[in-house]
C-alpha atoms as a PDB file:
ATOM      1  CA  MET A   1     -20.738  30.063 -41.532  1.00  0.00           C
ATOM      2  CA  PRO A   2     -24.152  32.629 -40.440  1.00  0.00           C
ATOM      3  CA  THR A   3     -23.836  36.496 -41.865  1.00  0.00           C
ATOM      4  CA  TRP A   4     -24.198  38.636 -38.741  1.00  0.00           C
ATOM      5  CA  PRO A   5     -25.694  42.067 -39.828  1.00  0.00           C
ATOM      6  CA  ILE A   6     -22.413  43.807 -38.729  1.00  0.00           C
ATOM      7  CA  ASN A   7     -24.037  47.496 -39.994  1.00  0.00           C
ATOM      8  CA  GLU A   8     -27.308  46.975 -37.927  1.00  0.00           C
ATOM      9  CA  ILE A   9     -25.080  45.936 -34.740  1.00  0.00           C
ATOM     10  CA  GLN A  10     -22.938  48.890 -35.579  1.00  0.00           C
ATOM     11  CA  GLN A  11     -25.725  50.937 -35.449  1.00  0.00           C
ATOM     12  CA  LEU A  12     -27.097  49.731 -31.951  1.00  0.00           C
ATOM     13  CA  LEU A  13     -23.949  50.063 -30.706  1.00  0.00           C
ATOM     14  CA  GLU A  14     -22.580  53.500 -31.278  1.00  0.00           C
ATOM     15  CA  PRO A  15     -24.955  55.821 -29.444  1.00  0.00           C
ATOM     16  CA  THR A  16     -24.213  54.119 -26.351  1.00  0.00           C
ATOM     17  CA  LEU A  17     -20.759  54.201 -26.940  1.00  0.00           C
ATOM     18  CA  ALA A  18     -20.511  56.970 -27.225  1.00  0.00           C
ATOM     19  CA  HIS A  19     -22.476  58.292 -24.605  1.00  0.00           C
ATOM     20  CA  MET A  20     -19.367  56.247 -22.539  1.00  0.00           C
ATOM     21  CA  GLY A  21     -16.671  58.243 -24.558  1.00  0.00           C
ATOM     22  CA  TYR A  22     -15.655  55.485 -26.705  1.00  0.00           C
ATOM     23  CA  SER A  23     -15.901  55.134 -31.246  1.00  0.00           C
ATOM     24  CA  VAL A  24     -16.578  52.012 -32.962  1.00  0.00           C
ATOM     25  CA  TYR A  25     -13.432  51.103 -34.505  1.00  0.00           C
ATOM     26  CA  SER A  26     -14.392  48.209 -36.409  1.00  0.00           C
ATOM     27  CA  ILE A  27     -16.902  45.512 -35.994  1.00  0.00           C
ATOM     28  CA  GLU A  28     -15.940  42.103 -37.361  1.00  0.00           C
ATOM     29  CA  GLN A  29     -17.631  38.706 -37.519  1.00  0.00           C
ATOM     30  CA  SER A  30     -14.281  36.017 -37.331  1.00  0.00           C
ATOM     31  CA  GLY A  31     -13.267  32.839 -35.734  1.00  0.00           C
ATOM     32  CA  SER A  32     -13.859  29.223 -36.069  1.00  0.00           C
ATOM     33  CA  GLY A  33     -17.410  28.288 -37.865  1.00  0.00           C
ATOM     34  CA  GLY A  34     -17.903  32.604 -37.991  1.00  0.00           C
ATOM     35  CA  ARG A  35     -19.189  32.618 -34.127  1.00  0.00           C
ATOM     36  CA  THR A  36     -17.010  35.156 -32.850  1.00  0.00           C
ATOM     37  CA  LEU A  37     -18.085  39.339 -32.926  1.00  0.00           C
ATOM     38  CA  ARG A  38     -14.736  41.571 -32.571  1.00  0.00           C
ATOM     39  CA  ILE A  39     -14.969  44.785 -31.590  1.00  0.00           C
ATOM     40  CA  ALA A  40     -12.290  47.570 -31.753  1.00  0.00           C
ATOM     41  CA  ILE A  41     -12.964  50.655 -29.914  1.00  0.00           C
ATOM     42  CA  ASP A  42     -11.499  53.563 -29.514  1.00  0.00           C
ATOM     43  CA  LYS A  43     -11.731  56.799 -27.867  1.00  0.00           C
ATOM     44  CA  ARG A  44     -10.431  60.221 -28.201  1.00  0.00           C
ATOM     45  CA  ASP A  45      -8.132  60.705 -25.675  1.00  0.00           C
ATOM     46  CA  GLY A  46      -5.265  58.451 -24.567  1.00  0.00           C
ATOM     47  CA  PHE A  47      -5.742  54.994 -25.953  1.00  0.00           C
ATOM     48  CA  VAL A  48      -8.065  51.998 -25.033  1.00  0.00           C
ATOM     49  CA  SER A  49      -6.944  49.747 -21.489  1.00  0.00           C
ATOM     50  CA  LEU A  50      -7.918  46.484 -21.176  1.00  0.00           C
ATOM     51  CA  ASP A  51     -10.231  48.510 -18.383  1.00  0.00           C
ATOM     52  CA  ASP A  52     -12.508  50.267 -21.240  1.00  0.00           C
ATOM     53  CA  CYS A  53     -12.849  46.832 -23.095  1.00  0.00           C
ATOM     54  CA  GLU A  54     -13.993  44.984 -20.068  1.00  0.00           C
ATOM     55  CA  ARG A  55     -16.211  47.861 -19.472  1.00  0.00           C
ATOM     56  CA  VAL A  56     -17.817  48.278 -23.185  1.00  0.00           C
ATOM     57  CA  SER A  57     -17.875  44.375 -23.035  1.00  0.00           C
ATOM     58  CA  LEU A  58     -20.226  44.924 -20.294  1.00  0.00           C
ATOM     59  CA  VAL A  59     -22.656  47.359 -22.067  1.00  0.00           C
ATOM     60  CA  ALA A  60     -22.563  45.467 -25.354  1.00  0.00           C
ATOM     61  CA  SER A  61     -23.489  42.133 -24.489  1.00  0.00           C
ATOM     62  CA  PRO A  62     -27.006  42.609 -22.921  1.00  0.00           C
ATOM     63  CA  LEU A  63     -27.286  45.014 -25.530  1.00  0.00           C
ATOM     64  CA  LEU A  64     -26.892  42.279 -28.177  1.00  0.00           C
ATOM     65  CA  ASP A  65     -28.514  39.912 -26.459  1.00  0.00           C
ATOM     66  CA  ASN A  66     -31.593  41.874 -26.117  1.00  0.00           C
ATOM     67  CA  ALA A  67     -31.481  43.470 -29.921  1.00  0.00           C
ATOM     68  CA  ASN A  68     -31.522  39.433 -30.800  1.00  0.00           C
ATOM     69  CA  LEU A  69     -29.765  40.329 -33.892  1.00  0.00           C
ATOM     70  CA  ILE A  70     -27.520  37.499 -33.856  1.00  0.00           C
ATOM     71  CA  GLN A  71     -29.232  34.125 -34.034  1.00  0.00           C
ATOM     72  CA  ASP A  72     -27.279  31.665 -31.505  1.00  0.00           C
ATOM     73  CA  SER A  73     -23.627  31.338 -29.380  1.00  0.00           C
ATOM     74  CA  TYR A  74     -21.201  33.756 -30.306  1.00  0.00           C
ATOM     75  CA  THR A  75     -18.510  34.979 -28.150  1.00  0.00           C
ATOM     76  CA  LEU A  76     -17.986  38.709 -27.855  1.00  0.00           C
ATOM     77  CA  LYS A  77     -14.547  40.250 -27.634  1.00  0.00           C
ATOM     78  CA  VAL A  78     -13.809  44.124 -26.925  1.00  0.00           C
ATOM     79  CA  SER A  79     -10.227  44.930 -27.845  1.00  0.00           C
ATOM     80  CA  SER A  80      -8.145  48.483 -29.356  1.00  0.00           C
ATOM     81  CA  PRO A  81      -7.278  48.922 -32.686  1.00  0.00           C
ATOM     82  CA  GLY A  82      -3.855  47.985 -31.485  1.00  0.00           C
ATOM     83  CA  ALA A  83      -0.608  49.703 -31.467  1.00  0.00           C
ATOM     84  CA  GLU A  84       0.377  50.121 -34.902  1.00  0.00           C
ATOM     85  CA  ARG A  85      -2.919  50.610 -35.849  1.00  0.00           C
ATOM     86  CA  LYS A  86      -4.183  51.322 -39.342  1.00  0.00           C
ATOM     87  CA  LEU A  87      -5.114  55.560 -39.950  1.00  0.00           C
ATOM     88  CA  ARG A  88      -8.196  55.691 -41.644  1.00  0.00           C
ATOM     89  CA  ASP A  89      -9.105  58.748 -42.310  1.00  0.00           C
ATOM     90  CA  ARG A  90      -8.089  62.504 -42.413  1.00  0.00           C
ATOM     91  CA  GLY A  91      -9.535  62.609 -38.767  1.00  0.00           C
ATOM     92  CA  GLU A  92      -7.159  60.256 -37.676  1.00  0.00           C
ATOM     93  CA  TYR A  93      -4.220  61.402 -39.416  1.00  0.00           C
ATOM     94  CA  GLU A  94      -4.373  64.883 -37.446  1.00  0.00           C
ATOM     95  CA  ARG A  95      -4.906  63.012 -34.399  1.00  0.00           C
ATOM     96  CA  PHE A  96      -1.920  61.205 -34.835  1.00  0.00           C
ATOM     97  CA  LEU A  97       0.250  64.263 -36.021  1.00  0.00           C
ATOM     98  CA  GLY A  98       3.560  64.119 -34.511  1.00  0.00           C
ATOM     99  CA  ARG A  99       3.486  60.211 -34.248  1.00  0.00           C
ATOM    100  CA  ARG A 100       6.453  57.728 -36.305  1.00  0.00           C
ATOM    101  CA  VAL A 101       4.286  56.434 -38.623  1.00  0.00           C
ATOM    102  CA  ASN A 102       4.995  53.576 -41.391  1.00  0.00           C
ATOM    103  CA  VAL A 103       3.204  55.119 -44.870  1.00  0.00           C
ATOM    104  CA  ARG A 104       2.655  52.618 -48.264  1.00  0.00           C
ATOM    105  CA  TYR A 105       2.456  54.606 -51.184  1.00  0.00           C
ATOM    106  CA  ARG A 106       2.090  54.885 -55.157  1.00  0.00           C
ATOM    107  CA  ILE A 107       4.767  56.372 -56.729  1.00  0.00           C
ATOM    108  CA  GLY A 108       4.191  55.571 -60.746  1.00  0.00           C
ATOM    109  CA  ALA A 109       3.584  52.364 -61.468  1.00  0.00           C
ATOM    110  CA  GLY A 110       4.883  51.004 -58.292  1.00  0.00           C
ATOM    111  CA  GLU A 111       5.105  51.410 -54.277  1.00  0.00           C
ATOM    112  CA  VAL A 112       6.957  52.566 -51.630  1.00  0.00           C
ATOM    113  CA  ALA A 113       7.385  52.015 -47.577  1.00  0.00           C
ATOM    114  CA  LEU A 114       8.526  55.020 -46.022  1.00  0.00           C
ATOM    115  CA  GLU A 115       8.648  55.498 -41.961  1.00  0.00           C
ATOM    116  CA  GLY A 116       9.120  58.841 -40.219  1.00  0.00           C
ATOM    117  CA  ILE A 117       6.955  60.992 -38.180  1.00  0.00           C
ATOM    118  CA  LEU A 118       4.033  62.531 -39.102  1.00  0.00           C
ATOM    119  CA  ALA A 119       4.806  66.122 -39.945  1.00  0.00           C
ATOM    120  CA  ALA A 120       1.949  67.485 -41.465  1.00  0.00           C
ATOM    121  CA  VAL A 121      -1.616  66.978 -42.613  1.00  0.00           C
ATOM    122  CA  ASP A 122      -3.751  69.091 -45.275  1.00  0.00           C
ATOM    123  CA  ASP A 123      -5.856  69.366 -47.729  1.00  0.00           C
ATOM    124  CA  ALA A 124      -3.157  68.097 -50.361  1.00  0.00           C
ATOM    125  CA  GLY A 125      -2.081  65.230 -48.315  1.00  0.00           C
ATOM    126  CA  VAL A 126       0.532  64.469 -45.488  1.00  0.00           C
ATOM    127  CA  ALA A 127       4.162  65.290 -44.938  1.00  0.00           C
ATOM    128  CA  VAL A 128       6.190  62.869 -43.334  1.00  0.00           C
ATOM    129  CA  ARG A 129       9.678  63.625 -41.998  1.00  0.00           C
ATOM    130  CA  GLY A 130      12.325  60.629 -42.079  1.00  0.00           C
ATOM    131  CA  GLN A 131      15.211  59.487 -40.637  1.00  0.00           C
ATOM    132  CA  LYS A 132      17.215  61.804 -41.721  1.00  0.00           C
ATOM    133  CA  ALA A 133      14.621  65.073 -41.260  1.00  0.00           C
ATOM    134  CA  GLU A 134      14.413  64.862 -44.748  1.00  0.00           C
ATOM    135  CA  ILE A 135       9.873  65.882 -45.865  1.00  0.00           C
ATOM    136  CA  THR A 136       8.444  63.549 -48.151  1.00  0.00           C
ATOM    137  CA  HIS A 137       4.881  65.161 -48.678  1.00  0.00           C
ATOM    138  CA  LEU A 138       2.533  62.505 -49.978  1.00  0.00           C
ATOM    139  CA  SER A 139      -1.017  63.381 -51.950  1.00  0.00           C
ATOM    140  CA  TRP A 140      -3.852  61.790 -50.190  1.00  0.00           C
ATOM    141  CA  ASP A 141      -4.650  60.320 -53.923  1.00  0.00           C
ATOM    142  CA  ASP A 142      -1.248  58.506 -53.224  1.00  0.00           C
ATOM    143  CA  LEU A 143      -1.441  57.180 -50.027  1.00  0.00           C
ATOM    144  CA  LEU A 144      -1.944  53.264 -49.734  1.00  0.00           C
ATOM    145  CA  SER A 145      -2.217  52.686 -46.017  1.00  0.00           C
ATOM    146  CA  THR A 146      -0.392  53.964 -42.888  1.00  0.00           C
ATOM    147  CA  ARG A 147      -0.410  52.704 -39.956  1.00  0.00           C
ATOM    148  CA  LEU A 148       1.316  53.888 -36.550  1.00  0.00           C
ATOM    149  CA  VAL A 149       4.862  52.509 -35.232  1.00  0.00           C
ATOM    150  CA  ALA A 150       5.053  50.682 -32.046  1.00  0.00           C
ATOM    151  CA  ALA A 151       7.518  52.930 -30.035  1.00  0.00           C
ATOM    152  CA  LEU A 152       9.245  50.296 -27.903  1.00  0.00           C
END
């Protein structure tokens, strides 16, 4: 499987995508034989649509081809981070304040999962309001992972 310069690809794409109103959520090499470049994009206001993915794909493809960072043929797939995206940093927690989340956190030597509404974000950590309106305060150090919960 070929190894692509993911960091250089991200550095190439970020300025143009930022100008278009998007950010790079993630870039990964995948697929059969590692010939697929998956780019997940995000935008500050609202959620990423199929039109957004198409727009980015039409711009990213020639940028990548001209930079010659990927040798031989590859498949480019542009997508959103998904309805149940992982929250990765404080800015994302603040952005999704008030949304339903699933949080895995450390408690002693074990871990616990909690689903509820992201009620607060501050320097100490986050607070999640559970199904019975109880508030659970979690420190940043105890958080293992947090994902949005898709509303159906």
